[in-house]
N, C-alpha and C. Protein backbone atom coordinates (compact mmCIF):
# COMPACT_ATOMS: atom_id res chain seq x y z
N MET A 1 21.65 -113.67 72.93
CA MET A 1 21.43 -114.94 72.25
C MET A 1 21.83 -116.10 73.17
N ILE A 2 21.05 -117.18 73.12
CA ILE A 2 21.33 -118.40 73.86
C ILE A 2 21.99 -119.39 72.91
N ALA A 3 23.15 -119.91 73.27
CA ALA A 3 23.83 -120.90 72.46
C ALA A 3 23.47 -122.30 72.93
N ILE A 4 22.99 -123.14 72.03
CA ILE A 4 22.73 -124.56 72.29
C ILE A 4 23.89 -125.33 71.69
N ILE A 5 24.66 -126.01 72.53
CA ILE A 5 25.90 -126.65 72.08
C ILE A 5 25.60 -127.84 71.18
N ASP A 6 26.15 -127.81 69.97
CA ASP A 6 26.04 -128.93 69.04
C ASP A 6 27.32 -129.74 69.12
N TYR A 7 27.28 -130.85 69.88
CA TYR A 7 28.45 -131.72 69.96
C TYR A 7 28.08 -133.13 69.50
N ARG A 8 27.18 -133.18 68.51
CA ARG A 8 26.79 -134.42 67.84
C ARG A 8 26.11 -135.39 68.80
N ALA A 9 25.39 -134.85 69.79
CA ALA A 9 24.79 -135.70 70.80
C ALA A 9 23.28 -135.84 70.66
N GLY A 10 22.69 -135.19 69.67
CA GLY A 10 21.26 -135.35 69.44
C GLY A 10 20.39 -134.51 70.34
N ASN A 11 19.09 -134.54 70.05
CA ASN A 11 18.06 -133.87 70.86
C ASN A 11 18.14 -132.34 70.80
N LEU A 12 18.84 -131.81 69.82
CA LEU A 12 19.03 -130.37 69.76
C LEU A 12 17.77 -129.64 69.29
N THR A 13 17.08 -130.21 68.31
CA THR A 13 15.92 -129.53 67.74
C THR A 13 14.82 -129.33 68.77
N SER A 14 14.57 -130.34 69.60
CA SER A 14 13.50 -130.20 70.59
C SER A 14 13.84 -129.13 71.62
N VAL A 15 15.13 -128.99 71.94
CA VAL A 15 15.54 -127.92 72.86
C VAL A 15 15.34 -126.57 72.21
N LYS A 16 15.74 -126.44 70.94
CA LYS A 16 15.55 -125.18 70.21
C LYS A 16 14.07 -124.83 70.13
N LEU A 17 13.21 -125.81 69.83
CA LEU A 17 11.77 -125.55 69.73
C LEU A 17 11.18 -125.10 71.06
N ALA A 18 11.69 -125.64 72.16
CA ALA A 18 11.20 -125.22 73.47
C ALA A 18 11.50 -123.74 73.71
N PHE A 19 12.70 -123.29 73.34
CA PHE A 19 13.02 -121.87 73.50
C PHE A 19 12.21 -121.01 72.53
N ASP A 20 11.94 -121.52 71.32
CA ASP A 20 11.05 -120.80 70.41
C ASP A 20 9.68 -120.61 71.04
N THR A 21 9.20 -121.65 71.73
CA THR A 21 7.87 -121.60 72.34
C THR A 21 7.78 -120.51 73.40
N ILE A 22 8.85 -120.30 74.15
CA ILE A 22 8.81 -119.26 75.20
C ILE A 22 9.33 -117.92 74.70
N GLY A 23 9.57 -117.83 73.38
CA GLY A 23 9.93 -116.56 72.79
C GLY A 23 11.34 -116.10 73.06
N ARG A 24 12.27 -117.05 73.20
CA ARG A 24 13.67 -116.72 73.46
C ARG A 24 14.53 -117.12 72.26
N GLU A 25 15.39 -116.23 71.83
CA GLU A 25 16.27 -116.51 70.70
C GLU A 25 17.35 -117.50 71.12
N ALA A 26 17.43 -118.61 70.40
CA ALA A 26 18.45 -119.62 70.68
C ALA A 26 19.01 -120.12 69.36
N ARG A 27 20.29 -120.44 69.36
CA ARG A 27 20.98 -120.88 68.15
C ARG A 27 21.76 -122.14 68.44
N ILE A 28 21.59 -123.16 67.58
CA ILE A 28 22.37 -124.39 67.68
C ILE A 28 23.72 -124.14 67.02
N THR A 29 24.82 -124.38 67.74
CA THR A 29 26.13 -124.03 67.21
C THR A 29 27.24 -124.89 67.82
N SER A 30 28.26 -125.12 67.02
CA SER A 30 29.49 -125.75 67.52
C SER A 30 30.67 -124.79 67.36
N ASP A 31 30.40 -123.53 67.10
CA ASP A 31 31.43 -122.52 66.90
C ASP A 31 31.88 -121.96 68.25
N PRO A 32 33.14 -122.21 68.65
CA PRO A 32 33.58 -121.72 69.95
C PRO A 32 33.42 -120.22 70.13
N ALA A 33 33.68 -119.44 69.09
CA ALA A 33 33.55 -117.98 69.20
C ALA A 33 32.11 -117.58 69.48
N CYS A 34 31.17 -118.21 68.80
CA CYS A 34 29.76 -117.92 69.02
C CYS A 34 29.34 -118.29 70.43
N ILE A 35 29.82 -119.43 70.90
CA ILE A 35 29.48 -119.88 72.26
C ILE A 35 30.02 -118.91 73.31
N LEU A 36 31.24 -118.45 73.12
CA LEU A 36 31.84 -117.53 74.09
C LEU A 36 31.17 -116.16 74.09
N GLU A 37 30.55 -115.79 72.96
CA GLU A 37 29.84 -114.51 72.88
C GLU A 37 28.41 -114.60 73.40
N ALA A 38 27.90 -115.81 73.60
CA ALA A 38 26.49 -115.99 73.97
C ALA A 38 26.21 -115.44 75.37
N GLU A 39 24.97 -115.01 75.56
CA GLU A 39 24.53 -114.52 76.87
C GLU A 39 24.27 -115.66 77.84
N ARG A 40 23.86 -116.81 77.28
CA ARG A 40 23.59 -118.01 78.06
C ARG A 40 23.95 -119.22 77.21
N VAL A 41 24.27 -120.32 77.88
CA VAL A 41 24.71 -121.52 77.16
C VAL A 41 23.92 -122.72 77.66
N ILE A 42 23.43 -123.52 76.71
CA ILE A 42 22.71 -124.76 77.01
C ILE A 42 23.56 -125.93 76.54
N PHE A 43 23.76 -126.90 77.41
CA PHE A 43 24.57 -128.07 77.11
C PHE A 43 23.66 -129.31 77.18
N PRO A 44 22.94 -129.62 76.09
CA PRO A 44 22.00 -130.74 76.09
C PRO A 44 22.68 -132.03 75.68
N GLY A 45 21.92 -133.09 75.51
CA GLY A 45 22.53 -134.29 74.98
C GLY A 45 21.74 -135.55 75.22
N VAL A 46 21.79 -136.43 74.23
CA VAL A 46 21.28 -137.78 74.33
C VAL A 46 22.33 -138.66 73.68
N GLY A 47 22.81 -139.68 74.38
CA GLY A 47 23.84 -140.53 73.81
C GLY A 47 24.76 -141.07 74.89
N ALA A 48 25.99 -141.40 74.50
CA ALA A 48 26.94 -142.03 75.40
C ALA A 48 28.07 -141.07 75.75
N ALA A 49 28.59 -141.21 76.96
CA ALA A 49 29.59 -140.29 77.46
C ALA A 49 30.88 -140.34 76.65
N GLY A 50 31.33 -141.53 76.28
CA GLY A 50 32.59 -141.65 75.55
C GLY A 50 32.56 -140.93 74.22
N ALA A 51 31.51 -141.17 73.44
CA ALA A 51 31.39 -140.51 72.14
C ALA A 51 31.25 -139.01 72.31
N ALA A 52 30.48 -138.59 73.30
CA ALA A 52 30.29 -137.16 73.53
C ALA A 52 31.61 -136.47 73.85
N MET A 53 32.43 -137.08 74.70
CA MET A 53 33.72 -136.47 75.03
C MET A 53 34.64 -136.43 73.83
N ARG A 54 34.61 -137.45 73.00
CA ARG A 54 35.44 -137.43 71.78
C ARG A 54 35.02 -136.29 70.86
N HIS A 55 33.71 -136.10 70.72
CA HIS A 55 33.22 -135.01 69.86
C HIS A 55 33.59 -133.65 70.45
N LEU A 56 33.46 -133.50 71.75
CA LEU A 56 33.82 -132.23 72.38
C LEU A 56 35.29 -131.89 72.13
N GLN A 57 36.15 -132.88 72.27
CA GLN A 57 37.57 -132.64 72.04
C GLN A 57 37.84 -132.33 70.57
N ALA A 58 37.22 -133.08 69.66
CA ALA A 58 37.47 -132.88 68.24
C ALA A 58 36.99 -131.50 67.78
N LEU A 59 35.93 -130.99 68.39
CA LEU A 59 35.36 -129.70 68.00
C LEU A 59 35.95 -128.54 68.80
N ASP A 60 36.92 -128.82 69.65
CA ASP A 60 37.56 -127.80 70.49
C ASP A 60 36.54 -127.14 71.42
N LEU A 61 35.62 -127.95 71.93
CA LEU A 61 34.56 -127.40 72.78
C LEU A 61 34.78 -127.66 74.27
N ALA A 62 35.62 -128.61 74.63
CA ALA A 62 35.84 -128.88 76.05
C ALA A 62 36.41 -127.65 76.74
N ASP A 63 37.47 -127.09 76.19
CA ASP A 63 38.07 -125.90 76.79
C ASP A 63 37.15 -124.69 76.66
N THR A 64 36.37 -124.66 75.58
CA THR A 64 35.41 -123.56 75.41
C THR A 64 34.40 -123.55 76.55
N LEU A 65 33.88 -124.72 76.91
CA LEU A 65 32.90 -124.80 77.99
C LEU A 65 33.53 -124.46 79.33
N ARG A 66 34.76 -124.86 79.54
CA ARG A 66 35.44 -124.47 80.78
C ARG A 66 35.59 -122.94 80.85
N GLU A 67 35.85 -122.32 79.71
CA GLU A 67 35.98 -120.87 79.69
C GLU A 67 34.63 -120.19 79.92
N VAL A 68 33.56 -120.75 79.37
CA VAL A 68 32.22 -120.24 79.62
C VAL A 68 31.95 -120.18 81.12
N VAL A 69 32.27 -121.26 81.81
CA VAL A 69 32.04 -121.33 83.25
C VAL A 69 32.96 -120.36 83.99
N ARG A 70 34.21 -120.29 83.56
CA ARG A 70 35.16 -119.38 84.21
C ARG A 70 34.66 -117.93 84.14
N ARG A 71 34.03 -117.58 83.03
CA ARG A 71 33.52 -116.22 82.84
C ARG A 71 32.25 -115.96 83.64
N GLY A 72 31.61 -116.99 84.13
CA GLY A 72 30.37 -116.81 84.88
C GLY A 72 29.13 -116.68 84.02
N THR A 73 29.22 -117.12 82.77
CA THR A 73 28.05 -117.11 81.88
C THR A 73 27.03 -118.13 82.38
N PRO A 74 25.75 -117.75 82.51
CA PRO A 74 24.74 -118.73 82.94
C PRO A 74 24.73 -119.96 82.02
N PHE A 75 24.76 -121.13 82.63
CA PHE A 75 25.02 -122.38 81.92
C PHE A 75 24.04 -123.44 82.41
N LEU A 76 23.35 -124.09 81.48
CA LEU A 76 22.38 -125.14 81.83
C LEU A 76 22.74 -126.44 81.12
N GLY A 77 23.01 -127.50 81.91
CA GLY A 77 23.21 -128.83 81.36
C GLY A 77 21.91 -129.63 81.42
N ILE A 78 21.69 -130.47 80.40
CA ILE A 78 20.49 -131.29 80.33
C ILE A 78 20.87 -132.73 80.03
N CYS A 79 20.43 -133.67 80.86
CA CYS A 79 20.60 -135.12 80.69
C CYS A 79 22.06 -135.49 80.52
N LEU A 80 22.49 -135.98 79.35
CA LEU A 80 23.90 -136.30 79.15
C LEU A 80 24.77 -135.07 79.40
N GLY A 81 24.26 -133.89 79.05
CA GLY A 81 24.98 -132.66 79.32
C GLY A 81 25.18 -132.41 80.81
N THR A 82 24.31 -132.95 81.63
CA THR A 82 24.48 -132.88 83.08
C THR A 82 25.56 -133.84 83.54
N GLN A 83 25.54 -135.06 83.03
CA GLN A 83 26.52 -136.06 83.44
C GLN A 83 27.94 -135.66 83.06
N ILE A 84 28.10 -135.08 81.89
CA ILE A 84 29.43 -134.78 81.38
C ILE A 84 30.09 -133.60 82.10
N ILE A 85 29.31 -132.79 82.81
CA ILE A 85 29.95 -131.69 83.54
C ILE A 85 30.59 -132.18 84.84
N LEU A 86 30.34 -133.43 85.24
CA LEU A 86 31.02 -134.00 86.40
C LEU A 86 32.41 -134.50 85.99
N GLU A 87 33.09 -135.21 86.90
CA GLU A 87 34.50 -135.54 86.66
C GLU A 87 34.73 -136.88 85.96
N HIS A 88 33.82 -137.84 86.17
CA HIS A 88 34.05 -139.17 85.62
C HIS A 88 32.72 -139.90 85.46
N SER A 89 32.61 -140.69 84.39
CA SER A 89 31.43 -141.51 84.15
C SER A 89 31.82 -142.97 84.04
N GLU A 90 30.99 -143.85 84.61
CA GLU A 90 31.21 -145.30 84.47
C GLU A 90 30.90 -145.80 83.06
N GLU A 91 30.20 -145.01 82.27
CA GLU A 91 29.77 -145.45 80.96
C GLU A 91 30.96 -145.71 80.04
N ASP A 92 30.78 -146.62 79.08
CA ASP A 92 31.81 -146.92 78.08
C ASP A 92 33.12 -147.39 78.72
N GLY A 93 33.02 -148.11 79.83
CA GLY A 93 34.20 -148.63 80.49
C GLY A 93 34.93 -147.64 81.37
N GLY A 94 34.37 -146.45 81.51
CA GLY A 94 34.98 -145.42 82.33
C GLY A 94 35.53 -144.29 81.48
N VAL A 95 35.02 -143.08 81.70
CA VAL A 95 35.40 -141.93 80.89
C VAL A 95 35.63 -140.73 81.80
N ASP A 96 36.77 -140.08 81.65
CA ASP A 96 36.98 -138.81 82.33
C ASP A 96 36.20 -137.73 81.60
N THR A 97 35.45 -136.94 82.36
CA THR A 97 34.58 -135.94 81.75
C THR A 97 35.09 -134.53 82.10
N LEU A 98 34.27 -133.52 82.00
CA LEU A 98 34.76 -132.14 81.99
C LEU A 98 35.24 -131.63 83.35
N GLY A 99 34.68 -132.14 84.44
CA GLY A 99 35.12 -131.70 85.75
C GLY A 99 34.69 -130.29 86.11
N LEU A 100 33.55 -129.85 85.59
CA LEU A 100 33.05 -128.51 85.95
C LEU A 100 32.42 -128.50 87.33
N LEU A 101 31.91 -129.66 87.76
CA LEU A 101 31.42 -129.87 89.12
C LEU A 101 32.05 -131.15 89.66
N PRO A 102 32.27 -131.25 90.97
CA PRO A 102 32.88 -132.45 91.52
C PRO A 102 31.87 -133.60 91.61
N GLY A 103 32.28 -134.78 91.12
CA GLY A 103 31.40 -135.93 91.23
C GLY A 103 31.60 -136.90 90.09
N ARG A 104 30.78 -137.96 90.12
CA ARG A 104 30.89 -139.02 89.12
C ARG A 104 29.49 -139.44 88.68
N VAL A 105 29.46 -140.31 87.68
CA VAL A 105 28.20 -140.79 87.11
C VAL A 105 28.22 -142.32 87.17
N VAL A 106 27.15 -142.91 87.72
CA VAL A 106 27.07 -144.37 87.87
C VAL A 106 25.80 -144.91 87.23
N ARG A 107 25.82 -146.20 86.93
CA ARG A 107 24.68 -146.84 86.30
C ARG A 107 23.70 -147.35 87.35
N PHE A 108 22.41 -147.26 87.06
CA PHE A 108 21.41 -147.89 87.92
C PHE A 108 21.68 -149.39 88.00
N ALA A 109 21.52 -149.96 89.20
CA ALA A 109 21.67 -151.41 89.41
C ALA A 109 20.48 -151.89 90.24
N PRO A 110 19.29 -151.93 89.63
CA PRO A 110 18.09 -152.23 90.42
C PRO A 110 18.07 -153.67 90.94
N ALA A 111 17.65 -153.81 92.19
CA ALA A 111 17.45 -155.14 92.77
C ALA A 111 16.11 -155.72 92.36
N ASN A 112 15.16 -154.84 92.09
CA ASN A 112 13.81 -155.24 91.69
C ASN A 112 13.72 -155.32 90.17
N ARG A 113 13.36 -156.49 89.64
CA ARG A 113 13.34 -156.66 88.19
C ARG A 113 12.29 -155.80 87.50
N TYR A 114 11.36 -155.25 88.27
CA TYR A 114 10.35 -154.37 87.68
C TYR A 114 10.86 -152.94 87.47
N ASP A 115 12.00 -152.62 88.05
CA ASP A 115 12.62 -151.31 87.82
C ASP A 115 13.47 -151.40 86.57
N LYS A 116 12.97 -150.90 85.48
CA LYS A 116 13.63 -151.05 84.20
C LYS A 116 14.73 -150.01 84.02
N VAL A 117 15.77 -150.42 83.31
CA VAL A 117 16.85 -149.52 82.92
C VAL A 117 16.97 -149.62 81.39
N PRO A 118 16.90 -148.50 80.67
CA PRO A 118 16.90 -147.13 81.18
C PRO A 118 15.62 -146.74 81.92
N HIS A 119 15.77 -145.80 82.82
CA HIS A 119 14.65 -145.14 83.48
C HIS A 119 14.01 -144.20 82.47
N MET A 120 12.78 -144.52 82.07
CA MET A 120 12.08 -143.72 81.06
C MET A 120 10.70 -143.35 81.58
N GLY A 121 10.38 -142.07 81.53
CA GLY A 121 9.05 -141.63 81.89
C GLY A 121 9.06 -140.50 82.91
N TRP A 122 7.89 -140.24 83.45
CA TRP A 122 7.69 -139.12 84.36
C TRP A 122 8.00 -139.55 85.79
N ASN A 123 8.67 -138.66 86.50
CA ASN A 123 8.98 -138.94 87.89
C ASN A 123 9.07 -137.63 88.66
N ARG A 124 8.79 -137.71 89.97
CA ARG A 124 8.75 -136.51 90.79
C ARG A 124 10.14 -135.98 91.10
N VAL A 125 10.23 -134.67 91.15
CA VAL A 125 11.48 -133.99 91.49
C VAL A 125 11.24 -133.22 92.79
N HIS A 126 12.06 -133.56 93.78
CA HIS A 126 11.92 -132.94 95.11
C HIS A 126 13.02 -131.89 95.29
N ALA A 127 12.61 -130.65 95.50
CA ALA A 127 13.57 -129.57 95.70
C ALA A 127 14.27 -129.74 97.04
N ARG A 128 15.58 -129.81 97.00
CA ARG A 128 16.36 -129.97 98.23
C ARG A 128 16.68 -128.61 98.85
N VAL A 129 16.95 -127.64 98.01
CA VAL A 129 17.20 -126.26 98.46
C VAL A 129 16.48 -125.31 97.51
N PRO A 130 16.08 -124.14 97.97
CA PRO A 130 15.45 -123.18 97.05
C PRO A 130 16.45 -122.70 95.99
N HIS A 131 15.96 -122.55 94.77
CA HIS A 131 16.80 -122.02 93.70
C HIS A 131 15.88 -121.35 92.68
N PRO A 132 16.32 -120.23 92.09
CA PRO A 132 15.48 -119.55 91.09
C PRO A 132 15.09 -120.42 89.90
N LEU A 133 15.83 -121.49 89.63
CA LEU A 133 15.49 -122.37 88.52
C LEU A 133 14.11 -122.99 88.70
N PHE A 134 13.68 -123.19 89.96
CA PHE A 134 12.40 -123.84 90.24
C PHE A 134 11.33 -122.85 90.71
N GLU A 135 11.56 -121.57 90.51
CA GLU A 135 10.57 -120.58 90.93
C GLU A 135 9.23 -120.82 90.23
N GLY A 136 8.15 -120.83 91.01
CA GLY A 136 6.82 -121.03 90.45
C GLY A 136 6.49 -122.46 90.09
N ILE A 137 7.37 -123.40 90.41
CA ILE A 137 7.16 -124.82 90.14
C ILE A 137 6.97 -125.54 91.47
N ALA A 138 5.84 -126.18 91.65
CA ALA A 138 5.55 -126.83 92.93
C ALA A 138 6.53 -127.97 93.20
N ASP A 139 6.88 -128.13 94.48
CA ASP A 139 7.71 -129.26 94.86
C ASP A 139 6.99 -130.56 94.51
N GLU A 140 7.76 -131.56 94.15
CA GLU A 140 7.26 -132.89 93.73
C GLU A 140 6.57 -132.85 92.36
N THR A 141 6.78 -131.80 91.59
CA THR A 141 6.31 -131.78 90.21
C THR A 141 7.01 -132.88 89.42
N GLU A 142 6.29 -133.49 88.48
CA GLU A 142 6.87 -134.55 87.66
C GLU A 142 7.53 -133.96 86.41
N PHE A 143 8.71 -134.48 86.11
CA PHE A 143 9.43 -134.14 84.89
C PHE A 143 9.77 -135.43 84.14
N TYR A 144 10.16 -135.29 82.88
CA TYR A 144 10.38 -136.46 82.03
C TYR A 144 11.86 -136.87 82.01
N PHE A 145 12.11 -138.15 82.26
CA PHE A 145 13.46 -138.71 82.32
C PHE A 145 13.66 -139.77 81.24
N VAL A 146 14.89 -139.83 80.72
CA VAL A 146 15.34 -140.96 79.89
C VAL A 146 16.82 -141.13 80.17
N HIS A 147 17.20 -142.13 80.99
CA HIS A 147 18.62 -142.29 81.32
C HIS A 147 18.86 -143.64 82.00
N SER A 148 20.08 -144.14 81.81
CA SER A 148 20.54 -145.36 82.47
C SER A 148 21.56 -145.07 83.56
N TYR A 149 22.14 -143.87 83.53
CA TYR A 149 23.16 -143.45 84.48
C TYR A 149 22.67 -142.21 85.22
N TYR A 150 23.22 -141.98 86.40
CA TYR A 150 22.76 -140.83 87.18
C TYR A 150 23.93 -140.16 87.89
N PRO A 151 23.81 -138.87 88.19
CA PRO A 151 24.91 -138.12 88.82
C PRO A 151 25.04 -138.44 90.31
N VAL A 152 26.29 -138.49 90.75
CA VAL A 152 26.61 -138.62 92.18
C VAL A 152 27.60 -137.51 92.52
N PRO A 153 27.12 -136.32 92.87
CA PRO A 153 28.06 -135.24 93.21
C PRO A 153 28.85 -135.57 94.46
N THR A 154 30.07 -135.07 94.52
CA THR A 154 30.95 -135.35 95.65
C THR A 154 30.46 -134.70 96.93
N THR A 155 29.92 -133.50 96.81
CA THR A 155 29.45 -132.75 97.97
C THR A 155 27.97 -132.43 97.83
N ASP A 156 27.26 -132.45 98.95
CA ASP A 156 25.82 -132.21 98.94
C ASP A 156 25.45 -130.81 98.48
N ASP A 157 26.37 -129.86 98.61
CA ASP A 157 26.00 -128.49 98.29
C ASP A 157 25.79 -128.27 96.79
N CYS A 158 26.12 -129.28 95.95
CA CYS A 158 25.84 -129.19 94.51
C CYS A 158 24.44 -129.67 94.15
N THR A 159 23.76 -130.34 95.07
CA THR A 159 22.46 -130.95 94.77
C THR A 159 21.33 -129.97 95.02
N LEU A 160 20.61 -129.63 93.96
CA LEU A 160 19.45 -128.74 94.07
C LEU A 160 18.16 -129.52 94.28
N ALA A 161 18.07 -130.71 93.69
CA ALA A 161 16.84 -131.50 93.78
C ALA A 161 17.16 -132.97 93.63
N THR A 162 16.26 -133.82 94.13
CA THR A 162 16.47 -135.26 94.08
C THR A 162 15.25 -135.98 93.53
N THR A 163 15.48 -137.20 93.08
CA THR A 163 14.42 -138.07 92.56
C THR A 163 14.73 -139.49 92.99
N GLY A 164 13.70 -140.27 93.29
CA GLY A 164 13.89 -141.66 93.66
C GLY A 164 13.55 -142.60 92.52
N TYR A 165 14.45 -143.57 92.25
CA TYR A 165 14.17 -144.61 91.26
C TYR A 165 15.11 -145.79 91.50
N ALA A 166 14.60 -146.98 91.30
CA ALA A 166 15.39 -148.23 91.35
C ALA A 166 16.17 -148.36 92.66
N GLY A 167 15.53 -147.95 93.75
CA GLY A 167 16.13 -148.14 95.06
C GLY A 167 17.13 -147.09 95.48
N VAL A 168 17.32 -146.04 94.66
CA VAL A 168 18.25 -144.98 95.03
C VAL A 168 17.55 -143.63 94.94
N THR A 169 18.02 -142.70 95.75
CA THR A 169 17.61 -141.30 95.62
C THR A 169 18.80 -140.56 95.03
N PHE A 170 18.64 -140.07 93.81
CA PHE A 170 19.77 -139.48 93.09
C PHE A 170 19.55 -137.98 92.87
N ALA A 171 20.63 -137.29 92.60
CA ALA A 171 20.57 -135.86 92.32
C ALA A 171 20.00 -135.66 90.93
N SER A 172 18.80 -135.11 90.85
CA SER A 172 18.16 -134.88 89.54
C SER A 172 18.32 -133.44 89.07
N ALA A 173 18.85 -132.56 89.93
CA ALA A 173 19.23 -131.21 89.52
C ALA A 173 20.44 -130.79 90.32
N LEU A 174 21.40 -130.21 89.63
CA LEU A 174 22.65 -129.79 90.24
C LEU A 174 22.84 -128.29 90.04
N GLY A 175 23.66 -127.68 90.88
CA GLY A 175 23.96 -126.27 90.68
C GLY A 175 25.08 -125.79 91.56
N ARG A 176 25.86 -124.88 91.01
CA ARG A 176 26.89 -124.19 91.78
C ARG A 176 27.34 -122.99 90.93
N GLY A 177 27.41 -121.82 91.56
CA GLY A 177 27.85 -120.63 90.83
C GLY A 177 26.95 -120.35 89.64
N SER A 178 27.53 -120.26 88.46
CA SER A 178 26.76 -119.95 87.25
C SER A 178 26.25 -121.20 86.54
N ILE A 179 26.46 -122.39 87.15
CA ILE A 179 26.04 -123.65 86.54
C ILE A 179 24.76 -124.16 87.18
N VAL A 180 23.80 -124.57 86.35
CA VAL A 180 22.68 -125.40 86.79
C VAL A 180 22.56 -126.55 85.79
N ALA A 181 22.01 -127.67 86.23
CA ALA A 181 21.91 -128.83 85.35
C ALA A 181 20.79 -129.74 85.83
N THR A 182 20.10 -130.37 84.88
CA THR A 182 18.99 -131.28 85.21
C THR A 182 19.20 -132.62 84.53
N GLN A 183 19.03 -133.71 85.29
CA GLN A 183 19.09 -135.03 84.69
C GLN A 183 17.84 -135.28 83.84
N PHE A 184 16.74 -134.67 84.17
CA PHE A 184 15.51 -134.78 83.38
C PHE A 184 15.57 -133.83 82.18
N HIS A 185 14.58 -133.99 81.30
CA HIS A 185 14.49 -133.18 80.08
C HIS A 185 13.41 -132.10 80.24
N PRO A 186 13.76 -130.87 80.55
CA PRO A 186 12.73 -129.83 80.64
C PRO A 186 12.02 -129.60 79.31
N GLU A 187 12.73 -129.77 78.21
CA GLU A 187 12.12 -129.53 76.89
C GLU A 187 11.06 -130.56 76.54
N LYS A 188 11.00 -131.67 77.30
CA LYS A 188 10.00 -132.72 77.07
C LYS A 188 9.01 -132.81 78.23
N SER A 189 9.04 -131.81 79.11
CA SER A 189 8.28 -131.90 80.37
C SER A 189 7.11 -130.92 80.45
N GLY A 190 6.53 -130.58 79.31
CA GLY A 190 5.31 -129.78 79.31
C GLY A 190 5.49 -128.40 79.91
N LYS A 191 4.41 -127.92 80.55
CA LYS A 191 4.40 -126.56 81.08
C LYS A 191 5.46 -126.34 82.16
N ALA A 192 5.66 -127.35 83.00
CA ALA A 192 6.66 -127.20 84.06
C ALA A 192 8.06 -127.06 83.47
N GLY A 193 8.34 -127.84 82.44
CA GLY A 193 9.64 -127.74 81.79
C GLY A 193 9.85 -126.40 81.12
N LEU A 194 8.82 -125.88 80.46
CA LEU A 194 8.93 -124.56 79.84
C LEU A 194 9.13 -123.48 80.89
N ARG A 195 8.45 -123.62 82.03
CA ARG A 195 8.64 -122.65 83.11
C ARG A 195 10.09 -122.70 83.61
N LEU A 196 10.65 -123.89 83.73
CA LEU A 196 12.03 -124.01 84.18
C LEU A 196 12.98 -123.32 83.19
N LEU A 197 12.75 -123.51 81.89
CA LEU A 197 13.60 -122.85 80.90
C LEU A 197 13.44 -121.34 80.95
N GLU A 198 12.23 -120.88 81.15
CA GLU A 198 12.00 -119.44 81.32
C GLU A 198 12.72 -118.93 82.56
N ASN A 199 12.65 -119.68 83.62
CA ASN A 199 13.37 -119.30 84.85
C ASN A 199 14.88 -119.20 84.59
N PHE A 200 15.41 -120.15 83.81
CA PHE A 200 16.83 -120.09 83.49
C PHE A 200 17.17 -118.81 82.74
N CYS A 201 16.29 -118.42 81.83
CA CYS A 201 16.54 -117.19 81.06
C CYS A 201 16.50 -115.94 81.93
N ARG A 202 15.77 -115.98 83.03
CA ARG A 202 15.66 -114.84 83.92
C ARG A 202 16.71 -114.86 85.04
N TRP A 203 17.25 -116.03 85.32
CA TRP A 203 18.16 -116.21 86.44
C TRP A 203 19.46 -115.46 86.26
N GLN A 204 19.89 -114.80 87.32
CA GLN A 204 21.19 -114.13 87.33
C GLN A 204 22.04 -114.69 88.46
N PRO A 205 23.14 -115.37 88.12
CA PRO A 205 24.07 -115.77 89.17
C PRO A 205 24.53 -114.55 89.94
N ALA A 206 24.89 -114.72 91.18
CA ALA A 206 25.27 -113.60 92.03
C ALA A 206 26.36 -112.76 91.38
N GLY A 207 26.11 -111.43 91.34
CA GLY A 207 27.09 -110.51 90.83
C GLY A 207 27.03 -110.27 89.35
N GLU A 208 26.13 -110.98 88.63
CA GLU A 208 26.04 -110.82 87.18
C GLU A 208 24.96 -109.82 86.82
N GLU A 209 25.14 -109.14 85.71
CA GLU A 209 24.15 -108.21 85.20
C GLU A 209 23.16 -108.94 84.30
N PRO A 210 21.88 -108.50 84.22
CA PRO A 210 20.91 -109.15 83.34
C PRO A 210 21.38 -109.15 81.89
N THR A 211 21.13 -110.29 81.21
CA THR A 211 21.50 -110.41 79.80
C THR A 211 20.38 -110.95 78.94
N CYS A 212 19.25 -111.34 79.52
CA CYS A 212 18.22 -112.04 78.74
C CYS A 212 16.84 -111.62 79.22
């Protein structure tokens, strides 16, 4: 079973429907025991970092997610779920986040007034290094984005793919060990997004046995 983390951040139903479409069992849950028993974990989200961290703490999910990663369970962050796995976000006046990967989250500051914030719509994703998450997906494929903030990992080895917007090239996919994460929304990105989710279900971090 795939656990979709319910931390009051929205966008859960569309993620669940995407897994239904590819024939994978997924359950929306905020139960720590259920999450720890899951074969794979999805950390989605739409909203603000401060509120999300408060909900995670109130639901006893922050330590649960750290334990998921410690165990090596395959883990996928999406959008806000990607930002919160880093160490700190500029949003809401500055928020310490989960620290599952090294780095911070900053707001777009476009010099060109035609570059709107939030960044909304389709944009190309350039694979920086090969990863099973992008198997069968052509480089420079477009995925769907909705965000005002973007990840800045501390080390380049966490960056799987990049995207250019508002004068910056930012990390649009991250990964290390059993963690992968996308700033874009695969569940809203058509066939390419569904292929990415299917790839996640097939992906085995090094040393792990198949579970899905």
